């Protein structure tokens, strides 16, 4: 009986310590990648503002070719929604909504994952002129994990995990646009 009490006290101490650490652990995180594409900015931006085109270059869109897709609204305009539902844990269920378009400059999206866990993020794609026929594309997102789930940020390398997926998507985009 004494050993059981000691074990329970040690477990309670560990849990309390983890909860205290989570109080001081960052809750926000973000990932961003960029690439240069040898096409004029207008061509690149006009392709990027159509959310359906992400199906052609986003790594996540290629993971499950059988995922269910639903689109609502007019693509390339504020309020357009692209929703998906996949049995793959890497893809899950969610939707992305065009929140703001600064014509020729940037597109901002609200991203809402419903499965495998509920989370929200802001996605931003920015285009910048490098030369008349070359454009820099920056693609990234910002999100946060609520307390005490933010403790996972100490063990998860979001920069590596998601950054590699953004890099793959940008390379796919470059390949498509430079054909």
C-alpha atoms as a PDB file:
ATOM      1  CA  UNK A   1       0.000   0.000   0.000  1.00  0.00           C
ATOM      2  CA  UNK A   2       2.845   2.412   0.785  1.00  0.00           C
ATOM      3  CA  UNK A   3       4.436   1.742  -2.610  1.00  0.00           C
ATOM      4  CA  UNK A   4       1.123   2.570  -4.337  1.00  0.00           C
ATOM      5  CA  UNK A   5       0.937   5.905  -2.489  1.00  0.00           C
ATOM      6  CA  UNK A   6       4.530   6.708  -3.440  1.00  0.00           C
ATOM      7  CA  UNK A   7       3.848   5.857  -7.092  1.00  0.00           C
ATOM      8  CA  UNK A   8       0.699   8.029  -7.093  1.00  0.00           C
ATOM      9  CA  UNK A   9       2.576  10.941  -5.486  1.00  0.00           C
ATOM     10  CA  UNK A  10       5.404  10.664  -8.014  1.00  0.00           C
ATOM     11  CA  UNK A  11       2.892  10.587 -10.889  1.00  0.00           C
ATOM     12  CA  UNK A  12       1.024  13.583  -9.443  1.00  0.00           C
ATOM     13  CA  UNK A  13       4.347  15.411  -9.103  1.00  0.00           C
ATOM     14  CA  UNK A  14       5.295  14.667 -12.716  1.00  0.00           C
ATOM     15  CA  UNK A  15       1.894  15.810 -13.977  1.00  0.00           C
ATOM     16  CA  UNK A  16       2.079  18.985 -11.891  1.00  0.00           C
ATOM     17  CA  UNK A  17       5.592  19.701 -13.187  1.00  0.00           C
ATOM     18  CA  UNK A  18       4.458  19.215 -16.798  1.00  0.00           C
ATOM     19  CA  UNK A  19       1.494  21.546 -16.275  1.00  0.00           C
ATOM     20  CA  UNK A  20       3.800  24.192 -14.786  1.00  0.00           C
ATOM     21  CA  UNK A  21       6.235  23.832 -17.706  1.00  0.00           C
ATOM     22  CA  UNK A  22       3.303  24.219 -20.135  1.00  0.00           C
ATOM     23  CA  UNK A  23       2.469  27.571 -18.506  1.00  0.00           C
ATOM     24  CA  UNK A  24       5.840  28.907 -19.664  1.00  0.00           C
ATOM     25  CA  UNK A  25       5.968  27.152 -23.040  1.00  0.00           C
ATOM     26  CA  UNK A  26       5.150  29.100 -26.188  1.00  0.00           C
ATOM     27  CA  UNK A  27       1.695  28.578 -27.588  1.00  0.00           C
ATOM     28  CA  UNK A  28       2.154  30.164 -31.007  1.00  0.00           C
ATOM     29  CA  UNK A  29       4.162  28.723 -33.846  1.00  0.00           C
ATOM     30  CA  UNK A  30       4.636  29.421 -37.519  1.00  0.00           C
ATOM     31  CA  UNK A  31       6.326  28.013 -40.578  1.00  0.00           C
ATOM     32  CA  UNK A  32       7.239  29.739 -43.826  1.00  0.00           C
ATOM     33  CA  UNK A  33       9.108  28.781 -46.979  1.00  0.00           C
ATOM     34  CA  UNK A  34       9.876  30.625 -50.196  1.00  0.00           C
ATOM     35  CA  UNK A  35      10.932  29.928 -53.754  1.00  0.00           C
ATOM     36  CA  UNK A  36      11.786  31.891 -56.892  1.00  0.00           C
ATOM     37  CA  UNK A  37       9.675  31.140 -59.956  1.00  0.00           C
ATOM     38  CA  UNK A  38      10.735  32.205 -63.438  1.00  0.00           C
ATOM     39  CA  UNK A  39       7.413  33.749 -64.423  1.00  0.00           C
ATOM     40  CA  UNK A  40       6.032  37.301 -64.169  1.00  0.00           C
ATOM     41  CA  UNK A  41       4.369  38.164 -60.872  1.00  0.00           C
ATOM     42  CA  UNK A  42       0.901  38.571 -62.427  1.00  0.00           C
ATOM     43  CA  UNK A  43       1.001  35.059 -63.913  1.00  0.00           C
ATOM     44  CA  UNK A  44       2.094  33.565 -60.583  1.00  0.00           C
ATOM     45  CA  UNK A  45      -0.407  35.532 -58.496  1.00  0.00           C
ATOM     46  CA  UNK A  46      -3.345  34.788 -60.814  1.00  0.00           C
ATOM     47  CA  UNK A  47      -2.584  31.060 -60.478  1.00  0.00           C
ATOM     48  CA  UNK A  48      -2.145  31.189 -56.702  1.00  0.00           C
ATOM     49  CA  UNK A  49      -5.336  33.102 -55.928  1.00  0.00           C
ATOM     50  CA  UNK A  50      -7.404  30.196 -57.262  1.00  0.00           C
ATOM     51  CA  UNK A  51      -7.642  27.944 -54.227  1.00  0.00           C
ATOM     52  CA  UNK A  52      -8.570  24.908 -56.343  1.00  0.00           C
ATOM     53  CA  UNK A  53      -5.098  25.104 -57.900  1.00  0.00           C
ATOM     54  CA  UNK A  54      -3.606  24.001 -54.581  1.00  0.00           C
ATOM     55  CA  UNK A  55      -4.847  20.536 -55.544  1.00  0.00           C
ATOM     56  CA  UNK A  56      -2.142  20.604 -58.244  1.00  0.00           C
ATOM     57  CA  UNK A  57       0.851  21.548 -56.104  1.00  0.00           C
ATOM     58  CA  UNK A  58       0.149  21.075 -52.390  1.00  0.00           C
ATOM     59  CA  UNK A  59       1.772  17.962 -50.944  1.00  0.00           C
ATOM     60  CA  UNK A  60      -1.251  17.363 -48.731  1.00  0.00           C
ATOM     61  CA  UNK A  61      -3.582  17.184 -51.749  1.00  0.00           C
ATOM     62  CA  UNK A  62      -1.554  14.321 -53.223  1.00  0.00           C
ATOM     63  CA  UNK A  63      -1.411  12.144 -50.099  1.00  0.00           C
ATOM     64  CA  UNK A  64      -4.942  10.774 -50.513  1.00  0.00           C
ATOM     65  CA  UNK A  65      -6.254  10.757 -54.086  1.00  0.00           C
ATOM     66  CA  UNK A  66      -9.583   9.379 -52.783  1.00  0.00           C
ATOM     67  CA  UNK A  67     -10.306  12.225 -50.363  1.00  0.00           C
ATOM     68  CA  UNK A  68     -13.720  13.847 -50.649  1.00  0.00           C
ATOM     69  CA  UNK A  69     -13.621  17.478 -51.804  1.00  0.00           C
ATOM     70  CA  UNK A  70     -16.238  20.198 -51.604  1.00  0.00           C
ATOM     71  CA  UNK A  71     -16.030  23.758 -52.916  1.00  0.00           C
ATOM     72  CA  UNK A  72     -18.338  26.629 -52.031  1.00  0.00           C
ATOM     73  CA  UNK A  73     -18.453  30.078 -53.577  1.00  0.00           C
ATOM     74  CA  UNK A  74     -16.485  31.641 -56.420  1.00  0.00           C
ATOM     75  CA  UNK A  75     -12.849  30.581 -56.554  1.00  0.00           C
ATOM     76  CA  UNK A  76     -10.351  33.417 -56.402  1.00  0.00           C
ATOM     77  CA  UNK A  77     -12.665  35.635 -54.349  1.00  0.00           C
ATOM     78  CA  UNK A  78     -12.995  36.349 -50.637  1.00  0.00           C
ATOM     79  CA  UNK A  79     -15.259  33.789 -48.972  1.00  0.00           C
ATOM     80  CA  UNK A  80     -14.462  30.865 -51.287  1.00  0.00           C
ATOM     81  CA  UNK A  81     -14.173  27.605 -49.314  1.00  0.00           C
ATOM     82  CA  UNK A  82     -12.261  24.447 -50.170  1.00  0.00           C
ATOM     83  CA  UNK A  83     -13.191  21.573 -47.843  1.00  0.00           C
ATOM     84  CA  UNK A  84     -11.788  18.061 -47.672  1.00  0.00           C
ATOM     85  CA  UNK A  85     -12.404  14.830 -45.804  1.00  0.00           C
ATOM     86  CA  UNK A  86      -9.862  12.009 -45.800  1.00  0.00           C
ATOM     87  CA  UNK A  87      -9.380   8.832 -43.834  1.00  0.00           C
ATOM     88  CA  UNK A  88      -5.618   9.516 -43.876  1.00  0.00           C
ATOM     89  CA  UNK A  89      -4.414  10.931 -40.542  1.00  0.00           C
ATOM     90  CA  UNK A  90      -1.897  13.066 -42.453  1.00  0.00           C
ATOM     91  CA  UNK A  91      -4.754  14.828 -44.267  1.00  0.00           C
ATOM     92  CA  UNK A  92      -7.766  14.523 -41.965  1.00  0.00           C
ATOM     93  CA  UNK A  93     -10.819  16.701 -42.342  1.00  0.00           C
ATOM     94  CA  UNK A  94     -10.887  20.458 -42.668  1.00  0.00           C
ATOM     95  CA  UNK A  95     -11.524  23.503 -44.749  1.00  0.00           C
ATOM     96  CA  UNK A  96      -9.707  26.535 -46.034  1.00  0.00           C
ATOM     97  CA  UNK A  97     -11.438  29.854 -46.709  1.00  0.00           C
ATOM     98  CA  UNK A  98     -10.087  32.817 -48.645  1.00  0.00           C
ATOM     99  CA  UNK A  99     -10.140  35.588 -46.045  1.00  0.00           C
ATOM    100  CA  UNK A 100      -8.398  38.470 -47.826  1.00  0.00           C
ATOM    101  CA  UNK A 101      -6.895  39.189 -51.224  1.00  0.00           C
ATOM    102  CA  UNK A 102      -4.507  42.085 -51.793  1.00  0.00           C
ATOM    103  CA  UNK A 103      -4.589  41.959 -55.585  1.00  0.00           C
ATOM    104  CA  UNK A 104      -1.221  41.098 -57.037  1.00  0.00           C
ATOM    105  CA  UNK A 105       0.408  40.961 -53.583  1.00  0.00           C
ATOM    106  CA  UNK A 106      -0.983  38.385 -51.156  1.00  0.00           C
ATOM    107  CA  UNK A 107      -3.753  35.947 -50.331  1.00  0.00           C
ATOM    108  CA  UNK A 108      -4.746  35.186 -46.746  1.00  0.00           C
ATOM    109  CA  UNK A 109      -6.663  32.045 -45.795  1.00  0.00           C
ATOM    110  CA  UNK A 110      -8.359  30.792 -42.655  1.00  0.00           C
ATOM    111  CA  UNK A 111      -7.469  27.123 -42.206  1.00  0.00           C
ATOM    112  CA  UNK A 112      -9.592  24.954 -39.913  1.00  0.00           C
ATOM    113  CA  UNK A 113      -8.691  21.339 -39.219  1.00  0.00           C
ATOM    114  CA  UNK A 114     -11.476  19.295 -37.647  1.00  0.00           C
ATOM    115  CA  UNK A 115      -9.763  15.889 -37.649  1.00  0.00           C
ATOM    116  CA  UNK A 116      -7.458  14.307 -36.488  1.00  0.00           C
ATOM    117  CA  UNK A 117      -7.614  17.213 -33.990  1.00  0.00           C
ATOM    118  CA  UNK A 118      -9.317  20.590 -33.967  1.00  0.00           C
ATOM    119  CA  UNK A 119      -7.027  23.485 -34.796  1.00  0.00           C
ATOM    120  CA  UNK A 120      -7.044  26.755 -36.677  1.00  0.00           C
ATOM    121  CA  UNK A 121      -4.352  28.629 -38.537  1.00  0.00           C
ATOM    122  CA  UNK A 122      -3.855  31.631 -40.757  1.00  0.00           C
ATOM    123  CA  UNK A 123      -2.190  30.855 -44.081  1.00  0.00           C
ATOM    124  CA  UNK A 124      -0.491  33.540 -46.148  1.00  0.00           C
ATOM    125  CA  UNK A 125       0.859  33.416 -49.686  1.00  0.00           C
ATOM    126  CA  UNK A 126       2.850  36.462 -50.783  1.00  0.00           C
ATOM    127  CA  UNK A 127       4.255  37.255 -54.233  1.00  0.00           C
ATOM    128  CA  UNK A 128       7.137  39.688 -54.772  1.00  0.00           C
ATOM    129  CA  UNK A 129       8.866  40.846 -57.943  1.00  0.00           C
ATOM    130  CA  UNK A 130      12.480  39.721 -58.275  1.00  0.00           C
ATOM    131  CA  UNK A 131      12.799  40.772 -61.913  1.00  0.00           C
ATOM    132  CA  UNK A 132      10.284  41.381 -64.686  1.00  0.00           C
ATOM    133  CA  UNK A 133      10.117  37.624 -65.359  1.00  0.00           C
ATOM    134  CA  UNK A 134      10.901  36.223 -61.915  1.00  0.00           C
ATOM    135  CA  UNK A 135       8.730  36.123 -58.790  1.00  0.00           C
ATOM    136  CA  UNK A 136       9.416  35.190 -55.177  1.00  0.00           C
ATOM    137  CA  UNK A 137       6.597  33.229 -53.541  1.00  0.00           C
ATOM    138  CA  UNK A 138       6.433  32.982 -49.746  1.00  0.00           C
ATOM    139  CA  UNK A 139       3.994  30.442 -48.328  1.00  0.00           C
ATOM    140  CA  UNK A 140       3.464  29.941 -44.639  1.00  0.00           C
ATOM    141  CA  UNK A 141       1.117  29.811 -41.732  1.00  0.00           C
ATOM    142  CA  UNK A 142       0.724  30.774 -38.102  1.00  0.00           C
ATOM    143  CA  UNK A 143      -1.204  28.892 -35.459  1.00  0.00           C
ATOM    144  CA  UNK A 144      -1.251  28.132 -31.762  1.00  0.00           C
ATOM    145  CA  UNK A 145      -1.829  25.270 -29.379  1.00  0.00           C
ATOM    146  CA  UNK A 146      -3.933  25.802 -26.313  1.00  0.00           C
ATOM    147  CA  UNK A 147      -2.644  25.085 -22.808  1.00  0.00           C
ATOM    148  CA  UNK A 148      -1.698  22.355 -21.849  1.00  0.00           C
ATOM    149  CA  UNK A 149      -1.462  20.882 -25.379  1.00  0.00           C
ATOM    150  CA  UNK A 150       1.252  23.472 -26.121  1.00  0.00           C
ATOM    151  CA  UNK A 151       3.583  21.188 -24.182  1.00  0.00           C
ATOM    152  CA  UNK A 152       3.792  19.112 -27.379  1.00  0.00           C
ATOM    153  CA  UNK A 153       5.636  22.004 -29.046  1.00  0.00           C
ATOM    154  CA  UNK A 154       8.654  21.090 -26.909  1.00  0.00           C
ATOM    155  CA  UNK A 155       8.907  17.706 -28.606  1.00  0.00           C
ATOM    156  CA  UNK A 156       7.505  18.426 -32.078  1.00  0.00           C
ATOM    157  CA  UNK A 157       9.672  20.159 -34.656  1.00  0.00           C
ATOM    158  CA  UNK A 158       6.913  21.955 -36.559  1.00  0.00           C
ATOM    159  CA  UNK A 159       9.500  23.866 -38.582  1.00  0.00           C
ATOM    160  CA  UNK A 160      10.883  20.601 -39.959  1.00  0.00           C
ATOM    161  CA  UNK A 161       7.621  18.652 -40.196  1.00  0.00           C
ATOM    162  CA  UNK A 162       5.555  21.291 -41.950  1.00  0.00           C
ATOM    163  CA  UNK A 163       8.421  23.180 -43.548  1.00  0.00           C
ATOM    164  CA  UNK A 164       9.345  20.165 -45.655  1.00  0.00           C
ATOM    165  CA  UNK A 165       5.729  19.929 -46.867  1.00  0.00           C
ATOM    166  CA  UNK A 166       5.691  23.626 -47.817  1.00  0.00           C
ATOM    167  CA  UNK A 167       9.004  23.172 -49.652  1.00  0.00           C
ATOM    168  CA  UNK A 168       7.591  20.228 -51.599  1.00  0.00           C
ATOM    169  CA  UNK A 169       4.502  22.233 -52.504  1.00  0.00           C
ATOM    170  CA  UNK A 170       6.537  25.211 -53.655  1.00  0.00           C
ATOM    171  CA  UNK A 171       8.766  22.995 -55.799  1.00  0.00           C
ATOM    172  CA  UNK A 172       5.646  21.465 -57.352  1.00  0.00           C
ATOM    173  CA  UNK A 173       4.282  24.969 -57.981  1.00  0.00           C
ATOM    174  CA  UNK A 174       7.539  26.037 -59.638  1.00  0.00           C
ATOM    175  CA  UNK A 175       7.495  22.964 -61.877  1.00  0.00           C
ATOM    176  CA  UNK A 176       3.885  23.610 -62.954  1.00  0.00           C
ATOM    177  CA  UNK A 177       4.333  27.321 -63.652  1.00  0.00           C
ATOM    178  CA  UNK A 178       7.675  27.071 -65.414  1.00  0.00           C
ATOM    179  CA  UNK A 179       6.490  24.428 -67.944  1.00  0.00           C
END
